């Protein structure tokens, strides 16, 4: 994780969430299912 950088867990998760949705929107525009697959895998706890 981001230990020692003064970031709270909530801030870290916000950054990840922003990156995720940014990547998701790009993937949808490109017709790429990769990020959706990662989201489903992560959401079900498979990763």
PDB file of N, CA and C in Angstrom:
ATOM      1  N   UNK A   1       0.844  -1.209   0.000  1.00  0.00           N
ATOM      2  CA  UNK A   1       0.000   0.000   0.000  1.00  0.00           C
ATOM      3  C   UNK A   1       0.875   1.254   0.000  1.00  0.00           C
ATOM      4  N   UNK A   2       0.257   2.369   0.359  1.00  0.00           N
ATOM      5  CA  UNK A   2       0.951   3.650   0.316  1.00  0.00           C
ATOM      6  C   UNK A   2       1.471   4.040   1.704  1.00  0.00           C
ATOM      7  N   UNK A   3       2.133   3.133   2.368  1.00  0.00           N
ATOM      8  CA  UNK A   3       2.583   3.381   3.736  1.00  0.00           C
ATOM      9  C   UNK A   3       3.592   4.526   3.783  1.00  0.00           C
ATOM     10  N   UNK A   4       3.459   5.378   4.779  1.00  0.00           N
ATOM     11  CA  UNK A   4       4.436   6.429   5.006  1.00  0.00           C
ATOM     12  C   UNK A   4       4.303   7.640   4.111  1.00  0.00           C
ATOM     13  N   UNK A   5       3.218   7.752   3.364  1.00  0.00           N
ATOM     14  CA  UNK A   5       3.049   8.895   2.473  1.00  0.00           C
ATOM     15  C   UNK A   5       1.998   9.877   2.983  1.00  0.00           C
ATOM     16  N   UNK A   6       1.517   9.672   4.198  1.00  0.00           N
ATOM     17  CA  UNK A   6       0.594  10.615   4.802  1.00  0.00           C
ATOM     18  C   UNK A   6      -0.800  10.573   4.213  1.00  0.00           C
ATOM     19  N   UNK A   7      -1.098   9.538   3.475  1.00  0.00           N
ATOM     20  CA  UNK A   7      -2.429   9.396   2.869  1.00  0.00           C
ATOM     21  C   UNK A   7      -3.297   8.509   3.754  1.00  0.00           C
ATOM     22  N   UNK A   8      -4.503   8.978   4.013  1.00  0.00           N
ATOM     23  CA  UNK A   8      -5.420   8.117   4.761  1.00  0.00           C
ATOM     24  C   UNK A   8      -5.954   7.038   3.829  1.00  0.00           C
ATOM     25  N   UNK A   9      -6.504   5.997   4.406  1.00  0.00           N
ATOM     26  CA  UNK A   9      -7.045   4.912   3.585  1.00  0.00           C
ATOM     27  C   UNK A   9      -8.161   5.430   2.696  1.00  0.00           C
ATOM     28  N   UNK A  10      -8.971   6.349   3.229  1.00  0.00           N
ATOM     29  CA  UNK A  10     -10.084   6.888   2.444  1.00  0.00           C
ATOM     30  C   UNK A  10      -9.577   7.657   1.234  1.00  0.00           C
ATOM     31  N   UNK A  11      -8.534   8.465   1.432  1.00  0.00           N
ATOM     32  CA  UNK A  11      -7.947   9.209   0.316  1.00  0.00           C
ATOM     33  C   UNK A  11      -7.385   8.246  -0.726  1.00  0.00           C
ATOM     34  N   UNK A  12      -6.719   7.201  -0.253  1.00  0.00           N
ATOM     35  CA  UNK A  12      -6.154   6.193  -1.155  1.00  0.00           C
ATOM     36  C   UNK A  12      -7.248   5.541  -1.983  1.00  0.00           C
ATOM     37  N   UNK A  13      -8.346   5.160  -1.325  1.00  0.00           N
ATOM     38  CA  UNK A  13      -9.451   4.518  -2.028  1.00  0.00           C
ATOM     39  C   UNK A  13     -10.101   5.479  -3.018  1.00  0.00           C
ATOM     40  N   UNK A  14     -10.167   6.766  -2.669  1.00  0.00           N
ATOM     41  CA  UNK A  14     -10.711   7.763  -3.595  1.00  0.00           C
ATOM     42  C   UNK A  14      -9.873   7.842  -4.866  1.00  0.00           C
ATOM     43  N   UNK A  15      -8.558   7.815  -4.700  1.00  0.00           N
ATOM     44  CA  UNK A  15      -7.658   7.852  -5.856  1.00  0.00           C
ATOM     45  C   UNK A  15      -7.863   6.617  -6.731  1.00  0.00           C
ATOM     46  N   UNK A  16      -7.919   5.453  -6.088  1.00  0.00           N
ATOM     47  CA  UNK A  16      -8.133   4.207  -6.833  1.00  0.00           C
ATOM     48  C   UNK A  16      -9.470   4.240  -7.557  1.00  0.00           C
ATOM     49  N   UNK A  17     -10.495   4.750  -6.874  1.00  0.00           N
ATOM     50  CA  UNK A  17     -11.819   4.831  -7.478  1.00  0.00           C
ATOM     51  C   UNK A  17     -11.807   5.741  -8.702  1.00  0.00           C
ATOM     52  N   UNK A  18     -11.132   6.902  -8.594  1.00  0.00           N
ATOM     53  CA  UNK A  18     -11.027   7.821  -9.727  1.00  0.00           C
ATOM     54  C   UNK A  18     -10.311   7.154 -10.890  1.00  0.00           C
ATOM     55  N   UNK A  19      -9.204   6.470 -10.591  1.00  0.00           N
ATOM     56  CA  UNK A  19      -8.447   5.789 -11.638  1.00  0.00           C
ATOM     57  C   UNK A  19      -9.280   4.693 -12.284  1.00  0.00           C
ATOM     58  N   UNK A  20     -10.040   3.980 -11.443  1.00  0.00           N
ATOM     59  CA  UNK A  20     -10.876   2.900 -11.956  1.00  0.00           C
ATOM     60  C   UNK A  20     -11.906   3.424 -12.947  1.00  0.00           C
ATOM     61  N   UNK A  21     -12.649   4.463 -12.546  1.00  0.00           N
ATOM     62  CA  UNK A  21     -13.708   4.972 -13.424  1.00  0.00           C
ATOM     63  C   UNK A  21     -13.141   5.635 -14.663  1.00  0.00           C
ATOM     64  N   UNK A  22     -11.961   6.258 -14.530  1.00  0.00           N
ATOM     65  CA  UNK A  22     -11.292   6.829 -15.699  1.00  0.00           C
ATOM     66  C   UNK A  22     -10.932   5.722 -16.687  1.00  0.00           C
ATOM     67  N   UNK A  23     -10.370   4.631 -16.161  1.00  0.00           N
ATOM     68  CA  UNK A  23      -9.999   3.492 -16.996  1.00  0.00           C
ATOM     69  C   UNK A  23     -11.237   2.825 -17.584  1.00  0.00           C
ATOM     70  N   UNK A  24     -12.301   2.726 -16.780  1.00  0.00           N
ATOM     71  CA  UNK A  24     -13.544   2.121 -17.226  1.00  0.00           C
ATOM     72  C   UNK A  24     -14.116   2.887 -18.416  1.00  0.00           C
ATOM     73  N   UNK A  25     -14.140   4.224 -18.311  1.00  0.00           N
ATOM     74  CA  UNK A  25     -14.707   5.030 -19.387  1.00  0.00           C
ATOM     75  C   UNK A  25     -13.888   4.884 -20.671  1.00  0.00           C
ATOM     76  N   UNK A  26     -12.555   4.836 -20.530  1.00  0.00           N
ATOM     77  CA  UNK A  26     -11.687   4.628 -21.692  1.00  0.00           C
ATOM     78  C   UNK A  26     -11.956   3.255 -22.308  1.00  0.00           C
ATOM     79  N   UNK A  27     -12.067   2.248 -21.439  1.00  0.00           N
ATOM     80  CA  UNK A  27     -12.288   0.885 -21.923  1.00  0.00           C
ATOM     81  C   UNK A  27     -13.616   0.775 -22.664  1.00  0.00           C
ATOM     82  N   UNK A  28     -14.652   1.429 -22.131  1.00  0.00           N
ATOM     83  CA  UNK A  28     -15.953   1.380 -22.789  1.00  0.00           C
ATOM     84  C   UNK A  28     -15.880   2.050 -24.154  1.00  0.00           C
ATOM     85  N   UNK A  29     -15.147   3.150 -24.236  1.00  0.00           N
ATOM     86  CA  UNK A  29     -14.999   3.843 -25.515  1.00  0.00           C
ATOM     87  C   UNK A  29     -14.259   2.974 -26.523  1.00  0.00           C
ATOM     88  N   UNK A  30     -13.316   2.192 -26.042  1.00  0.00           N
ATOM     89  CA  UNK A  30     -12.523   1.329 -26.922  1.00  0.00           C
ATOM     90  C   UNK A  30     -13.178  -0.028 -27.153  1.00  0.00           C
ATOM     91  N   UNK A  31     -14.276  -0.283 -26.430  1.00  0.00           N
ATOM     92  CA  UNK A  31     -14.930  -1.579 -26.549  1.00  0.00           C
ATOM     93  C   UNK A  31     -14.129  -2.684 -25.882  1.00  0.00           C
ATOM     94  N   UNK A  32     -13.348  -2.329 -24.877  1.00  0.00           N
ATOM     95  CA  UNK A  32     -12.477  -3.291 -24.200  1.00  0.00           C
ATOM     96  C   UNK A  32     -13.131  -3.734 -22.907  1.00  0.00           C
ATOM     97  N   UNK A  33     -13.292  -5.036 -22.737  1.00  0.00           N
ATOM     98  CA  UNK A  33     -13.987  -5.579 -21.568  1.00  0.00           C
ATOM     99  C   UNK A  33     -13.057  -5.843 -20.386  1.00  0.00           C
ATOM    100  N   UNK A  34     -11.762  -5.539 -20.540  1.00  0.00           N
ATOM    101  CA  UNK A  34     -10.777  -5.917 -19.525  1.00  0.00           C
ATOM    102  C   UNK A  34     -11.078  -5.327 -18.154  1.00  0.00           C
ATOM    103  N   UNK A  35     -11.366  -4.012 -18.112  1.00  0.00           N
ATOM    104  CA  UNK A  35     -11.592  -3.374 -16.816  1.00  0.00           C
ATOM    105  C   UNK A  35     -12.900  -3.822 -16.191  1.00  0.00           C
ATOM    106  N   UNK A  36     -13.887  -4.107 -17.027  1.00  0.00           N
ATOM    107  CA  UNK A  36     -15.145  -4.630 -16.496  1.00  0.00           C
ATOM    108  C   UNK A  36     -14.898  -6.006 -15.880  1.00  0.00           C
ATOM    109  N   UNK A  37     -14.086  -6.813 -16.553  1.00  0.00           N
ATOM    110  CA  UNK A  37     -13.734  -8.132 -16.031  1.00  0.00           C
ATOM    111  C   UNK A  37     -13.014  -7.996 -14.690  1.00  0.00           C
ATOM    112  N   UNK A  38     -12.065  -7.064 -14.621  1.00  0.00           N
ATOM    113  CA  UNK A  38     -11.333  -6.828 -13.368  1.00  0.00           C
ATOM    114  C   UNK A  38     -12.289  -6.375 -12.273  1.00  0.00           C
ATOM    115  N   UNK A  39     -13.245  -5.522 -12.625  1.00  0.00           N
ATOM    116  CA  UNK A  39     -14.211  -5.040 -11.640  1.00  0.00           C
ATOM    117  C   UNK A  39     -15.049  -6.192 -11.101  1.00  0.00           C
ATOM    118  N   UNK A  40     -15.535  -7.038 -11.991  1.00  0.00           N
ATOM    119  CA  UNK A  40     -16.356  -8.170 -11.571  1.00  0.00           C
ATOM    120  C   UNK A  40     -15.540  -9.117 -10.698  1.00  0.00           C
ATOM    121  N   UNK A  41     -14.315  -9.405 -11.107  1.00  0.00           N
ATOM    122  CA  UNK A  41     -13.445 -10.283 -10.331  1.00  0.00           C
ATOM    123  C   UNK A  41     -13.177  -9.690  -8.955  1.00  0.00           C
ATOM    124  N   UNK A  42     -12.856  -8.390  -8.914  1.00  0.00           N
ATOM    125  CA  UNK A  42     -12.567  -7.732  -7.643  1.00  0.00           C
ATOM    126  C   UNK A  42     -13.799  -7.671  -6.754  1.00  0.00           C
ATOM    127  N   UNK A  43     -14.954  -7.421  -7.368  1.00  0.00           N
ATOM    128  CA  UNK A  43     -16.194  -7.279  -6.606  1.00  0.00           C
ATOM    129  C   UNK A  43     -16.607  -8.601  -5.973  1.00  0.00           C
ATOM    130  N   UNK A  44     -16.303  -9.690  -6.651  1.00  0.00           N
ATOM    131  CA  UNK A  44     -16.667 -11.001  -6.112  1.00  0.00           C
ATOM    132  C   UNK A  44     -15.560 -11.567  -5.228  1.00  0.00           C
ATOM    133  N   UNK A  45     -14.440 -10.845  -5.115  1.00  0.00           N
ATOM    134  CA  UNK A  45     -13.353 -11.267  -4.243  1.00  0.00           C
ATOM    135  C   UNK A  45     -12.511 -12.385  -4.816  1.00  0.00           C
ATOM    136  N   UNK A  46     -12.551 -12.569  -6.132  1.00  0.00           N
ATOM    137  CA  UNK A  46     -11.790 -13.656  -6.754  1.00  0.00           C
ATOM    138  C   UNK A  46     -10.312 -13.300  -6.834  1.00  0.00           C
ATOM    139  N   UNK A  47     -10.025 -12.029  -7.083  1.00  0.00           N
ATOM    140  CA  UNK A  47      -8.620 -11.598  -7.199  1.00  0.00           C
ATOM    141  C   UNK A  47      -7.932 -11.733  -5.850  1.00  0.00           C
TER     142      UNK A  47
END
